[in-house]
Amino acid sequence: MDSTAERYAKEPVRYPALHVVDLAAEGAAVTEPYRNMVISRVNNSCLRLAVFEEAYRWHYHPTSDELFIVVSGCLAIDLADNRELHLQPWQCVTIPAMARHRTRALGRTVNLCFENLGAETVFVDPP
């Protein structure tokens, strides 16, 4: 997985307002083991579509909550306090700003994420 906090924050918005987006087709078109893209902007926030098959690095967002909604597969979210959340399709959870966490795909996972557009990501060592 090749991802830096700066690149994550500068991911371009793929679709403008009033453009109908087929999210299922967007997810199905991903062939890489990890892809996270900004689909659209809503005020100062964005909708991201993530498709991945591995674990993402430990990190936190200083000023942005994240709302994860799983579309397919199973998403595990590990928290620094040793809790582990498992989300199945059409389940969601909000990770508050400053919460150290990592996401892990249990098989191929497609999820939607709402967060501040250009949210700062701080990568950290595992707890």
C-alpha atoms as a PDB file:
ATOM      1  CA  MET A   1       0.000   0.000   0.000  1.00  0.00           C
ATOM      2  CA  ASP A   2       1.535   3.277  -1.099  1.00  0.00           C
ATOM      3  CA  SER A   3      -0.123   6.042   0.869  1.00  0.00           C
ATOM      4  CA  THR A   4       1.134   9.176   2.529  1.00  0.00           C
ATOM      5  CA  ALA A   5      -0.816  11.562   4.713  1.00  0.00           C
ATOM      6  CA  GLU A   6      -0.192  14.409   2.258  1.00  0.00           C
ATOM      7  CA  ARG A   7      -1.456  12.448  -0.732  1.00  0.00           C
ATOM      8  CA  TYR A   8      -4.479  11.279   1.248  1.00  0.00           C
ATOM      9  CA  ALA A   9      -5.380  14.889   2.114  1.00  0.00           C
ATOM     10  CA  LYS A  10      -4.963  16.042  -1.504  1.00  0.00           C
ATOM     11  CA  GLU A  11      -6.963  13.255  -3.189  1.00  0.00           C
ATOM     12  CA  PRO A  12      -8.991  14.954  -5.941  1.00  0.00           C
ATOM     13  CA  VAL A  13     -12.801  14.900  -5.934  1.00  0.00           C
ATOM     14  CA  ARG A  14     -13.830  12.541  -8.731  1.00  0.00           C
ATOM     15  CA  TYR A  15     -17.382  13.781  -9.382  1.00  0.00           C
ATOM     16  CA  PRO A  16     -19.005  17.229  -9.146  1.00  0.00           C
ATOM     17  CA  ALA A  17     -22.400  18.000  -7.649  1.00  0.00           C
ATOM     18  CA  LEU A  18     -25.430  16.886  -9.693  1.00  0.00           C
ATOM     19  CA  HIS A  19     -23.499  13.979 -11.227  1.00  0.00           C
ATOM     20  CA  VAL A  20     -25.084  10.561 -10.637  1.00  0.00           C
ATOM     21  CA  VAL A  21     -22.422   8.098  -9.453  1.00  0.00           C
ATOM     22  CA  ASP A  22     -22.743   4.318  -9.642  1.00  0.00           C
ATOM     23  CA  LEU A  23     -20.925   3.374  -6.428  1.00  0.00           C
ATOM     24  CA  ALA A  24     -21.257  -0.367  -7.101  1.00  0.00           C
ATOM     25  CA  ALA A  25     -19.547   0.050 -10.476  1.00  0.00           C
ATOM     26  CA  GLU A  26     -16.814   2.227  -8.928  1.00  0.00           C
ATOM     27  CA  GLY A  27     -16.081  -0.479  -6.344  1.00  0.00           C
ATOM     28  CA  ALA A  28     -16.227  -3.313  -8.882  1.00  0.00           C
ATOM     29  CA  ALA A  29     -13.743  -1.515 -11.162  1.00  0.00           C
ATOM     30  CA  VAL A  30     -10.995  -1.498  -8.523  1.00  0.00           C
ATOM     31  CA  THR A  31      -8.367  -4.157  -9.218  1.00  0.00           C
ATOM     32  CA  GLU A  32      -5.583  -2.989  -6.887  1.00  0.00           C
ATOM     33  CA  PRO A  33      -5.276  -4.508  -3.386  1.00  0.00           C
ATOM     34  CA  TYR A  34      -5.848  -0.996  -1.953  1.00  0.00           C
ATOM     35  CA  ARG A  35      -7.715   1.988  -3.393  1.00  0.00           C
ATOM     36  CA  ASN A  36      -9.217   4.914  -1.480  1.00  0.00           C
ATOM     37  CA  MET A  37     -10.805   7.707  -3.505  1.00  0.00           C
ATOM     38  CA  VAL A  38     -12.869  10.832  -2.891  1.00  0.00           C
ATOM     39  CA  ILE A  39     -16.122  10.354  -4.773  1.00  0.00           C
ATOM     40  CA  SER A  40     -17.851  13.632  -3.989  1.00  0.00           C
ATOM     41  CA  ARG A  41     -17.796  16.720  -1.809  1.00  0.00           C
ATOM     42  CA  VAL A  42     -20.551  17.726   0.617  1.00  0.00           C
ATOM     43  CA  ASN A  43     -19.941  21.179   2.117  1.00  0.00           C
ATOM     44  CA  ASN A  44     -16.561  20.830   3.883  1.00  0.00           C
ATOM     45  CA  SER A  45     -16.775  17.034   3.982  1.00  0.00           C
ATOM     46  CA  CYS A  46     -16.373  14.270   1.461  1.00  0.00           C
ATOM     47  CA  LEU A  47     -17.581  10.795   0.629  1.00  0.00           C
ATOM     48  CA  ARG A  48     -14.726   8.336   0.135  1.00  0.00           C
ATOM     49  CA  LEU A  49     -14.963   4.871  -1.392  1.00  0.00           C
ATOM     50  CA  ALA A  50     -12.321   2.435  -0.167  1.00  0.00           C
ATOM     51  CA  VAL A  51     -11.670  -1.011  -1.584  1.00  0.00           C
ATOM     52  CA  PHE A  52      -8.942  -3.071   0.029  1.00  0.00           C
ATOM     53  CA  GLU A  53      -7.741  -6.515   1.019  1.00  0.00           C
ATOM     54  CA  GLU A  54      -5.212  -5.751   3.746  1.00  0.00           C
ATOM     55  CA  ALA A  55      -4.543  -3.702   6.872  1.00  0.00           C
ATOM     56  CA  TYR A  56      -4.107   0.060   6.761  1.00  0.00           C
ATOM     57  CA  ARG A  57      -1.467   1.754   8.921  1.00  0.00           C
ATOM     58  CA  TRP A  58      -2.172   2.951  12.462  1.00  0.00           C
ATOM     59  CA  HIS A  59      -3.197   6.606  12.400  1.00  0.00           C
ATOM     60  CA  TYR A  60      -5.527   9.282  13.684  1.00  0.00           C
ATOM     61  CA  HIS A  61      -7.175  12.428  12.347  1.00  0.00           C
ATOM     62  CA  PRO A  62      -6.633  15.453  14.618  1.00  0.00           C
ATOM     63  CA  THR A  63      -9.692  17.440  13.539  1.00  0.00           C
ATOM     64  CA  SER A  64     -12.051  15.064  11.737  1.00  0.00           C
ATOM     65  CA  ASP A  65     -14.392  12.304  12.814  1.00  0.00           C
ATOM     66  CA  GLU A  66     -14.817   9.439  10.329  1.00  0.00           C
ATOM     67  CA  LEU A  67     -18.050   7.607   9.633  1.00  0.00           C
ATOM     68  CA  PHE A  68     -17.471   4.162   8.089  1.00  0.00           C
ATOM     69  CA  ILE A  69     -20.267   2.269   6.302  1.00  0.00           C
ATOM     70  CA  VAL A  70     -19.445  -1.203   5.004  1.00  0.00           C
ATOM     71  CA  VAL A  71     -20.960  -2.042   1.621  1.00  0.00           C
ATOM     72  CA  SER A  72     -19.471  -5.528   1.156  1.00  0.00           C
ATOM     73  CA  GLY A  73     -17.079  -7.797   2.989  1.00  0.00           C
ATOM     74  CA  CYS A  74     -16.076  -7.361   6.611  1.00  0.00           C
ATOM     75  CA  LEU A  75     -14.140  -4.413   8.011  1.00  0.00           C
ATOM     76  CA  ALA A  76     -12.242  -4.706  11.290  1.00  0.00           C
ATOM     77  CA  ILE A  77     -11.287  -1.491  13.062  1.00  0.00           C
ATOM     78  CA  ASP A  78      -8.626  -1.856  15.730  1.00  0.00           C
ATOM     79  CA  LEU A  79      -8.516   0.828  18.430  1.00  0.00           C
ATOM     80  CA  ALA A  80      -5.504   1.778  20.549  1.00  0.00           C
ATOM     81  CA  ASP A  81      -7.312   0.666  23.729  1.00  0.00           C
ATOM     82  CA  ASN A  82      -7.307  -2.934  22.383  1.00  0.00           C
ATOM     83  CA  ARG A  83     -10.947  -2.897  21.279  1.00  0.00           C
ATOM     84  CA  GLU A  84     -11.718  -4.432  17.903  1.00  0.00           C
ATOM     85  CA  LEU A  85     -14.863  -3.518  15.995  1.00  0.00           C
ATOM     86  CA  HIS A  86     -16.208  -5.726  13.187  1.00  0.00           C
ATOM     87  CA  LEU A  87     -18.568  -4.226  10.649  1.00  0.00           C
ATOM     88  CA  GLN A  88     -20.626  -6.324   8.256  1.00  0.00           C
ATOM     89  CA  PRO A  89     -22.447  -4.964   5.179  1.00  0.00           C
ATOM     90  CA  TRP A  90     -24.716  -2.016   5.964  1.00  0.00           C
ATOM     91  CA  GLN A  91     -23.299  -1.531   9.453  1.00  0.00           C
ATOM     92  CA  CYS A  92     -21.595   1.718  10.390  1.00  0.00           C
ATOM     93  CA  VAL A  93     -19.536   3.312  13.147  1.00  0.00           C
ATOM     94  CA  THR A  94     -18.115   6.757  13.820  1.00  0.00           C
ATOM     95  CA  ILE A  95     -14.462   7.011  14.856  1.00  0.00           C
ATOM     96  CA  PRO A  96     -13.993  10.337  16.674  1.00  0.00           C
ATOM     97  CA  ALA A  97     -11.186  12.768  15.904  1.00  0.00           C
ATOM     98  CA  MET A  98      -7.940  11.944  17.755  1.00  0.00           C
ATOM     99  CA  ALA A  99      -8.858   8.247  18.154  1.00  0.00           C
ATOM    100  CA  ARG A 100      -5.856   6.118  17.171  1.00  0.00           C
ATOM    101  CA  HIS A 101      -7.010   3.290  14.946  1.00  0.00           C
ATOM    102  CA  ARG A 102      -6.345   1.140  11.934  1.00  0.00           C
ATOM    103  CA  THR A 103      -8.709  -0.530   9.513  1.00  0.00           C
ATOM    104  CA  ARG A 104      -8.259  -4.120   8.352  1.00  0.00           C
ATOM    105  CA  ALA A 105     -10.075  -5.862   5.553  1.00  0.00           C
ATOM    106  CA  LEU A 106     -11.126  -9.408   6.348  1.00  0.00           C
ATOM    107  CA  GLY A 107     -11.106 -10.503   2.714  1.00  0.00           C
ATOM    108  CA  ARG A 108     -12.001  -7.947   0.027  1.00  0.00           C
ATOM    109  CA  THR A 109     -13.880  -5.095   1.661  1.00  0.00           C
ATOM    110  CA  VAL A 110     -15.703  -2.143   0.147  1.00  0.00           C
ATOM    111  CA  ASN A 111     -16.662   0.708   2.447  1.00  0.00           C
ATOM    112  CA  LEU A 112     -17.821   4.291   2.332  1.00  0.00           C
ATOM    113  CA  CYS A 113     -16.311   6.901   4.617  1.00  0.00           C
ATOM    114  CA  PHE A 114     -17.537  10.402   5.427  1.00  0.00           C
ATOM    115  CA  GLU A 115     -14.946  12.826   6.809  1.00  0.00           C
ATOM    116  CA  ASN A 116     -13.680  16.387   6.419  1.00  0.00           C
ATOM    117  CA  LEU A 117     -12.348  17.032   2.924  1.00  0.00           C
ATOM    118  CA  GLY A 118      -8.578  17.095   3.177  1.00  0.00           C
ATOM    119  CA  ALA A 119      -8.630  15.685   6.707  1.00  0.00           C
ATOM    120  CA  GLU A 120      -5.151  15.564   8.178  1.00  0.00           C
ATOM    121  CA  THR A 121      -3.856  12.040   8.809  1.00  0.00           C
ATOM    122  CA  VAL A 122      -1.121  11.406  11.351  1.00  0.00           C
ATOM    123  CA  PHE A 123       0.533   7.991  11.094  1.00  0.00           C
ATOM    124  CA  VAL A 124       1.678   6.468  14.395  1.00  0.00           C
ATOM    125  CA  ASP A 125       3.451   3.371  15.677  1.00  0.00           C
ATOM    126  CA  PRO A 126       1.234   0.449  16.701  1.00  0.00           C
ATOM    127  CA  PRO A 127       0.143   0.612  20.356  1.00  0.00           C
END
